[in-house]
Amino acid sequence: MSPVPSPVDRPAPEERQAPHAEPLALTRRSLAALGLGGVAAAASGGAAHAQAPGVPGKPGTLTTGPVSQAGLGPRLTLHAIDNFHGTPGAGMVCDLSVRDGDAYRPIKTVTTAANGRPAEPLLVDDALKPGQYELLMHVEAYFTALGVTLPSPNFLSRVPIRFRIRDAGQRYHLPVLFTPWGYSYYRGS
């Protein structure tokens, strides 16, 4: 085993990189190694992962800022974020249900817009009541519609997100980050 060279003996950073290595290729490989394949394809201009209609091609190209909810009444809102592509989850179909006895009763089905949010809040004002809710996100159908090659059967098909509303006088925001293999959600502001 050879000893680790001291900082004095090490070549400068620009000399350590192989002279034939393309910086963009290194970036794509680095992102892919982190499990960010969609971001790597976007960085290279590759079309391996299609974009949802109306979704910006590059981060930072949104032309509108977030909408303030200051002064608005009680509501439940959703933001679907596609972490695989690094974009809003445009075109995600979601079923909202409320617990009724031992089962969940469907309330509505929504499809997210280009910004990853439904056109209207899921529940607003008097429709927002205390209770247990489930948001069923059709993740497999979303990625299939984008042309993403998934294993068969896919790891995730539909993702059930269960949560409680205790105080119907508050605003609840539900950001959901998802990939074909995992998801995370929390109560946002």
C-alpha atoms as a PDB file:
ATOM      1  CA  MET A   1       0.000   0.000   0.000  1.00  0.00           C
ATOM      2  CA  SER A   2       1.458   3.339  -0.996  1.00  0.00           C
ATOM      3  CA  PRO A   3       1.508   6.211   1.483  1.00  0.00           C
ATOM      4  CA  VAL A   4      -0.884   9.136   1.045  1.00  0.00           C
ATOM      5  CA  PRO A   5       1.008  12.062  -0.486  1.00  0.00           C
ATOM      6  CA  SER A   6       1.397  15.102   1.691  1.00  0.00           C
ATOM      7  CA  PRO A   7      -0.367  18.325   0.602  1.00  0.00           C
ATOM      8  CA  VAL A   8       3.009  19.609  -0.574  1.00  0.00           C
ATOM      9  CA  ASP A   9       3.445  16.611  -2.919  1.00  0.00           C
ATOM     10  CA  ARG A  10      -0.101  16.698  -4.342  1.00  0.00           C
ATOM     11  CA  PRO A  11      -0.661  18.220  -7.773  1.00  0.00           C
ATOM     12  CA  ALA A  12      -2.871  21.287  -8.070  1.00  0.00           C
ATOM     13  CA  PRO A  13      -6.613  20.462  -8.432  1.00  0.00           C
ATOM     14  CA  GLU A  14      -6.671  21.317 -12.142  1.00  0.00           C
ATOM     15  CA  GLU A  15      -3.815  18.888 -12.719  1.00  0.00           C
ATOM     16  CA  ARG A  16      -5.543  16.047 -10.844  1.00  0.00           C
ATOM     17  CA  GLN A  17      -8.399  15.813 -13.320  1.00  0.00           C
ATOM     18  CA  ALA A  18      -7.720  13.665 -16.358  1.00  0.00           C
ATOM     19  CA  PRO A  19      -6.863  15.998 -19.259  1.00  0.00           C
ATOM     20  CA  HIS A  20      -9.407  14.291 -21.537  1.00  0.00           C
ATOM     21  CA  ALA A  21     -12.282  14.449 -18.995  1.00  0.00           C
ATOM     22  CA  GLU A  22     -15.193  16.638 -19.981  1.00  0.00           C
ATOM     23  CA  PRO A  23     -16.429  18.657 -16.942  1.00  0.00           C
ATOM     24  CA  LEU A  24     -20.108  18.219 -17.939  1.00  0.00           C
ATOM     25  CA  ALA A  25     -19.662  14.450 -18.197  1.00  0.00           C
ATOM     26  CA  LEU A  26     -18.169  14.430 -14.718  1.00  0.00           C
ATOM     27  CA  THR A  27     -21.147  16.417 -13.462  1.00  0.00           C
ATOM     28  CA  ARG A  28     -23.609  13.985 -15.081  1.00  0.00           C
ATOM     29  CA  ARG A  29     -21.787  11.015 -13.540  1.00  0.00           C
ATOM     30  CA  SER A  30     -21.652  12.718 -10.150  1.00  0.00           C
ATOM     31  CA  LEU A  31     -25.372  13.501 -10.202  1.00  0.00           C
ATOM     32  CA  ALA A  32     -26.234  10.010 -11.426  1.00  0.00           C
ATOM     33  CA  ALA A  33     -24.150   8.502  -8.612  1.00  0.00           C
ATOM     34  CA  LEU A  34     -26.224  10.496  -6.149  1.00  0.00           C
ATOM     35  CA  GLY A  35     -29.408   8.997  -7.590  1.00  0.00           C
ATOM     36  CA  LEU A  36     -30.322  12.184  -9.435  1.00  0.00           C
ATOM     37  CA  GLY A  37     -30.600  10.643 -12.875  1.00  0.00           C
ATOM     38  CA  GLY A  38     -33.289  13.040 -14.108  1.00  0.00           C
ATOM     39  CA  VAL A  39     -31.229  16.043 -13.066  1.00  0.00           C
ATOM     40  CA  ALA A  40     -28.188  14.530 -14.752  1.00  0.00           C
ATOM     41  CA  ALA A  41     -30.120  14.053 -17.996  1.00  0.00           C
ATOM     42  CA  ALA A  42     -31.417  17.612 -17.835  1.00  0.00           C
ATOM     43  CA  ALA A  43     -27.881  18.914 -17.239  1.00  0.00           C
ATOM     44  CA  SER A  44     -26.692  17.136 -20.356  1.00  0.00           C
ATOM     45  CA  GLY A  45     -29.653  18.138 -22.480  1.00  0.00           C
ATOM     46  CA  GLY A  46     -30.610  14.450 -22.692  1.00  0.00           C
ATOM     47  CA  ALA A  47     -34.171  13.403 -23.314  1.00  0.00           C
ATOM     48  CA  ALA A  48     -33.989  10.267 -21.203  1.00  0.00           C
ATOM     49  CA  HIS A  49     -36.635  11.674 -18.893  1.00  0.00           C
ATOM     50  CA  ALA A  50     -39.528  13.519 -20.490  1.00  0.00           C
ATOM     51  CA  GLN A  51     -40.967  16.647 -18.928  1.00  0.00           C
ATOM     52  CA  ALA A  52     -44.639  17.039 -18.047  1.00  0.00           C
ATOM     53  CA  PRO A  53     -46.497  19.449 -20.314  1.00  0.00           C
ATOM     54  CA  GLY A  54     -46.094  22.999 -19.121  1.00  0.00           C
ATOM     55  CA  VAL A  55     -43.193  22.172 -16.811  1.00  0.00           C
ATOM     56  CA  PRO A  56     -40.188  24.451 -17.233  1.00  0.00           C
ATOM     57  CA  GLY A  57     -37.165  22.752 -18.773  1.00  0.00           C
ATOM     58  CA  LYS A  58     -34.594  24.200 -16.385  1.00  0.00           C
ATOM     59  CA  PRO A  59     -34.660  25.198 -12.724  1.00  0.00           C
ATOM     60  CA  GLY A  60     -35.127  28.915 -12.233  1.00  0.00           C
ATOM     61  CA  THR A  61     -37.297  29.409 -15.318  1.00  0.00           C
ATOM     62  CA  LEU A  62     -40.581  29.853 -13.452  1.00  0.00           C
ATOM     63  CA  THR A  63     -42.013  33.253 -14.271  1.00  0.00           C
ATOM     64  CA  THR A  64     -44.271  33.608 -11.242  1.00  0.00           C
ATOM     65  CA  GLY A  65     -43.413  33.689  -7.577  1.00  0.00           C
ATOM     66  CA  PRO A  66     -45.224  31.920  -4.773  1.00  0.00           C
ATOM     67  CA  VAL A  67     -48.694  33.167  -3.965  1.00  0.00           C
ATOM     68  CA  SER A  68     -49.127  34.598  -0.480  1.00  0.00           C
ATOM     69  CA  GLN A  69     -51.959  33.133   1.570  1.00  0.00           C
ATOM     70  CA  ALA A  70     -51.927  36.025   4.043  1.00  0.00           C
ATOM     71  CA  GLY A  71     -55.462  37.085   4.863  1.00  0.00           C
ATOM     72  CA  LEU A  72     -57.073  34.000   3.307  1.00  0.00           C
ATOM     73  CA  GLY A  73     -59.469  31.778   5.232  1.00  0.00           C
ATOM     74  CA  PRO A  74     -58.904  28.191   6.364  1.00  0.00           C
ATOM     75  CA  ARG A  75     -57.831  25.842   3.605  1.00  0.00           C
ATOM     76  CA  LEU A  76     -55.953  22.682   2.697  1.00  0.00           C
ATOM     77  CA  THR A  77     -53.483  23.067  -0.171  1.00  0.00           C
ATOM     78  CA  LEU A  78     -51.114  20.652  -1.923  1.00  0.00           C
ATOM     79  CA  HIS A  79     -47.765  21.025  -3.689  1.00  0.00           C
ATOM     80  CA  ALA A  80     -46.453  17.959  -5.564  1.00  0.00           C
ATOM     81  CA  ILE A  81     -42.684  18.094  -6.176  1.00  0.00           C
ATOM     82  CA  ASP A  82     -41.054  15.619  -8.571  1.00  0.00           C
ATOM     83  CA  ASN A  83     -37.597  15.065  -7.050  1.00  0.00           C
ATOM     84  CA  PHE A  84     -36.637  12.610  -9.815  1.00  0.00           C
ATOM     85  CA  HIS A  85     -36.791  15.317 -12.481  1.00  0.00           C
ATOM     86  CA  GLY A  86     -36.205  18.287 -10.174  1.00  0.00           C
ATOM     87  CA  THR A  87     -39.453  19.943 -11.267  1.00  0.00           C
ATOM     88  CA  PRO A  88     -42.986  20.593 -10.019  1.00  0.00           C
ATOM     89  CA  GLY A  89     -45.155  17.461 -10.276  1.00  0.00           C
ATOM     90  CA  ALA A  90     -47.358  18.674 -13.145  1.00  0.00           C
ATOM     91  CA  GLY A  91     -50.111  16.252 -14.118  1.00  0.00           C
ATOM     92  CA  MET A  92     -50.156  14.217 -10.882  1.00  0.00           C
ATOM     93  CA  VAL A  93     -53.606  12.745 -10.217  1.00  0.00           C
ATOM     94  CA  CYS A  94     -54.564  12.778  -6.511  1.00  0.00           C
ATOM     95  CA  ASP A  95     -57.659  11.413  -4.773  1.00  0.00           C
ATOM     96  CA  LEU A  96     -58.678  13.095  -1.502  1.00  0.00           C
ATOM     97  CA  SER A  97     -60.764  11.071   0.971  1.00  0.00           C
ATOM     98  CA  VAL A  98     -61.993  11.550   4.533  1.00  0.00           C
ATOM     99  CA  ARG A  99     -62.241   8.807   7.121  1.00  0.00           C
ATOM    100  CA  ASP A 100     -65.853   7.797   7.693  1.00  0.00           C
ATOM    101  CA  GLY A 101     -66.126   5.035  10.311  1.00  0.00           C
ATOM    102  CA  ASP A 102     -63.716   2.254   9.348  1.00  0.00           C
ATOM    103  CA  ALA A 103     -63.192   3.345   5.730  1.00  0.00           C
ATOM    104  CA  TYR A 104     -62.154   6.367   3.693  1.00  0.00           C
ATOM    105  CA  ARG A 105     -64.892   8.109   1.685  1.00  0.00           C
ATOM    106  CA  PRO A 106     -63.766   9.880  -1.528  1.00  0.00           C
ATOM    107  CA  ILE A 107     -64.262  13.655  -1.565  1.00  0.00           C
ATOM    108  CA  LYS A 108     -62.639  14.736  -4.824  1.00  0.00           C
ATOM    109  CA  THR A 109     -60.014  13.940  -7.443  1.00  0.00           C
ATOM    110  CA  VAL A 110     -57.630  16.657  -8.637  1.00  0.00           C
ATOM    111  CA  THR A 111     -54.819  16.904 -11.176  1.00  0.00           C
ATOM    112  CA  THR A 112     -51.901  19.207 -10.473  1.00  0.00           C
ATOM    113  CA  ALA A 113     -51.122  22.095 -12.831  1.00  0.00           C
ATOM    114  CA  ALA A 114     -47.725  23.083 -14.288  1.00  0.00           C
ATOM    115  CA  ASN A 115     -46.654  24.503 -10.914  1.00  0.00           C
ATOM    116  CA  GLY A 116     -47.333  21.180  -9.134  1.00  0.00           C
ATOM    117  CA  ARG A 117     -50.433  22.510  -7.365  1.00  0.00           C
ATOM    118  CA  PRO A 118     -54.119  21.924  -8.077  1.00  0.00           C
ATOM    119  CA  ALA A 119     -55.932  24.927  -9.571  1.00  0.00           C
ATOM    120  CA  GLU A 120     -57.971  25.307  -6.366  1.00  0.00           C
ATOM    121  CA  PRO A 121     -57.331  24.369  -2.716  1.00  0.00           C
ATOM    122  CA  LEU A 122     -58.267  20.791  -1.845  1.00  0.00           C
ATOM    123  CA  LEU A 123     -60.615  22.066   0.864  1.00  0.00           C
ATOM    124  CA  VAL A 124     -61.523  25.633   1.727  1.00  0.00           C
ATOM    125  CA  ASP A 125     -63.537  27.421   4.441  1.00  0.00           C
ATOM    126  CA  ASP A 126     -66.567  25.341   5.554  1.00  0.00           C
ATOM    127  CA  ALA A 127     -65.465  22.280   3.537  1.00  0.00           C
ATOM    128  CA  LEU A 128     -62.399  21.983   5.803  1.00  0.00           C
ATOM    129  CA  LYS A 129     -63.511  19.996   8.837  1.00  0.00           C
ATOM    130  CA  PRO A 130     -61.639  18.252  11.648  1.00  0.00           C
ATOM    131  CA  GLY A 131     -60.982  14.612  10.823  1.00  0.00           C
ATOM    132  CA  GLN A 132     -58.645  12.044   9.334  1.00  0.00           C
ATOM    133  CA  TYR A 133     -57.844  12.411   5.646  1.00  0.00           C
ATOM    134  CA  GLU A 134     -56.034  10.453   2.961  1.00  0.00           C
ATOM    135  CA  LEU A 135     -54.473  11.829  -0.205  1.00  0.00           C
ATOM    136  CA  LEU A 136     -53.832   9.007  -2.693  1.00  0.00           C
ATOM    137  CA  MET A 137     -51.183  10.029  -5.241  1.00  0.00           C
ATOM    138  CA  HIS A 138     -50.977   8.066  -8.504  1.00  0.00           C
ATOM    139  CA  VAL A 139     -47.170   8.002  -8.709  1.00  0.00           C
ATOM    140  CA  GLU A 140     -46.730   5.096 -11.141  1.00  0.00           C
ATOM    141  CA  ALA A 141     -49.245   6.549 -13.628  1.00  0.00           C
ATOM    142  CA  TYR A 142     -47.491   9.934 -13.372  1.00  0.00           C
ATOM    143  CA  PHE A 143     -44.034   8.559 -14.256  1.00  0.00           C
ATOM    144  CA  THR A 144     -45.445   6.208 -16.919  1.00  0.00           C
ATOM    145  CA  ALA A 145     -47.157   9.184 -18.612  1.00  0.00           C
ATOM    146  CA  LEU A 146     -43.768  10.943 -18.698  1.00  0.00           C
ATOM    147  CA  GLY A 147     -42.171   7.962 -20.429  1.00  0.00           C
ATOM    148  CA  VAL A 148     -39.917   7.001 -17.516  1.00  0.00           C
ATOM    149  CA  THR A 149     -38.831   3.370 -17.782  1.00  0.00           C
ATOM    150  CA  LEU A 150     -39.936   1.672 -14.584  1.00  0.00           C
ATOM    151  CA  PRO A 151     -39.458  -1.896 -13.392  1.00  0.00           C
ATOM    152  CA  SER A 152     -42.496  -4.157 -13.602  1.00  0.00           C
ATOM    153  CA  PRO A 153     -44.032  -4.160 -11.115  1.00  0.00           C
ATOM    154  CA  ASN A 154     -42.871  -0.736 -10.021  1.00  0.00           C
ATOM    155  CA  PHE A 155     -41.791  -0.183  -6.416  1.00  0.00           C
ATOM    156  CA  LEU A 156     -44.511   2.441  -5.791  1.00  0.00           C
ATOM    157  CA  SER A 157     -47.875   2.428  -7.508  1.00  0.00           C
ATOM    158  CA  ARG A 158     -50.172   4.706  -5.539  1.00  0.00           C
ATOM    159  CA  VAL A 159     -48.951   6.510  -2.434  1.00  0.00           C
ATOM    160  CA  PRO A 160     -51.409   6.990   0.445  1.00  0.00           C
ATOM    161  CA  ILE A 161     -50.681  10.032   2.582  1.00  0.00           C
ATOM    162  CA  ARG A 162     -52.694  10.092   5.787  1.00  0.00           C
ATOM    163  CA  PHE A 163     -52.992  13.122   8.044  1.00  0.00           C
ATOM    164  CA  ARG A 164     -55.303  14.752  10.589  1.00  0.00           C
ATOM    165  CA  ILE A 165     -56.981  18.137  10.666  1.00  0.00           C
ATOM    166  CA  ARG A 166     -57.590  19.126  14.285  1.00  0.00           C
ATOM    167  CA  ASP A 167     -58.357  22.840  13.972  1.00  0.00           C
ATOM    168  CA  ALA A 168     -60.518  23.672  10.952  1.00  0.00           C
ATOM    169  CA  GLY A 169     -59.795  27.375  11.485  1.00  0.00           C
ATOM    170  CA  GLN A 170     -56.173  27.083  10.293  1.00  0.00           C
ATOM    171  CA  ARG A 171     -54.472  26.894   6.913  1.00  0.00           C
ATOM    172  CA  TYR A 172     -52.824  23.559   6.102  1.00  0.00           C
ATOM    173  CA  HIS A 173     -50.291  23.136   3.312  1.00  0.00           C
ATOM    174  CA  LEU A 174     -49.143  19.666   2.260  1.00  0.00           C
ATOM    175  CA  PRO A 175     -45.870  19.611   0.263  1.00  0.00           C
ATOM    176  CA  VAL A 176     -45.142  16.118  -1.109  1.00  0.00           C
ATOM    177  CA  LEU A 177     -41.734  15.247  -2.577  1.00  0.00           C
ATOM    178  CA  PHE A 178     -41.670  12.031  -4.598  1.00  0.00           C
ATOM    179  CA  THR A 179     -39.633   9.788  -6.911  1.00  0.00           C
ATOM    180  CA  PRO A 180     -40.480   6.363  -8.401  1.00  0.00           C
ATOM    181  CA  TRP A 181     -38.924   4.811  -5.261  1.00  0.00           C
ATOM    182  CA  GLY A 182     -39.840   7.035  -2.341  1.00  0.00           C
ATOM    183  CA  TYR A 183     -41.720  10.005  -0.997  1.00  0.00           C
ATOM    184  CA  SER A 184     -41.734  12.472   1.860  1.00  0.00           C
ATOM    185  CA  TYR A 185     -44.342  14.892   3.110  1.00  0.00           C
ATOM    186  CA  TYR A 186     -44.798  17.385   5.896  1.00  0.00           C
ATOM    187  CA  ARG A 187     -47.083  20.157   7.057  1.00  0.00           C
ATOM    188  CA  GLY A 188     -45.857  23.288   5.341  1.00  0.00           C
ATOM    189  CA  SER A 189     -46.703  26.900   5.949  1.00  0.00           C
END
